[in-house]
Amino acid sequence: MVNKTIAFLIFLLMVFSINVFADVNFNLEISGIEENKGKIHVKVFSNDKDYKNDNSYLYFILESTSSRITHNFIISEGEYLIVCFQDTNNNGVLDTNYFGIPKEPSAISNYTGGIPVGWKKYKFQINNNSNKILINLRRA
């Protein structure tokens, strides 16, 4: 009887833990794209440590021939930060000047100007009520 009770409790724990972090159909819209000038690199970070170490949770490359694109993907609910850049010279990296300022169009989620300060300011919540974001690429 004790084994059946333990097995049942383990079963319940598994069922409830599956639903704790629901997947969300997320809509990423990127504007400010320079038409026909390279691919868009997108990095999604799920915590401060990984953001500081450039260890992205998701990484993908998008192609665009227009100034605005939308990309949908499935992601678990949680806090995230998104960094994008347009690789206008197709070398696979974000080119910067001597001071570290990007030479190519780039953006970070929730960026409003100034020197980027980190995870806390630019993170945002993804859930069923908050399942889209617009990011605008800019040249410095």
Foldseek 3Di string as FASTA:
>chain_A
DVVVVVVVVVVVVVVVVVPPWDKDWAKEKEAQDDAPQAKKKKFKDQDFVCVVVVNGPDIDIGDDRDRMDMDIDIDTWHKIKMKMWGPRVPPPDFDADPVRATQTWIWIAQDDDDDDDGDVNRIDTDDHVDRYGYIYTDHD
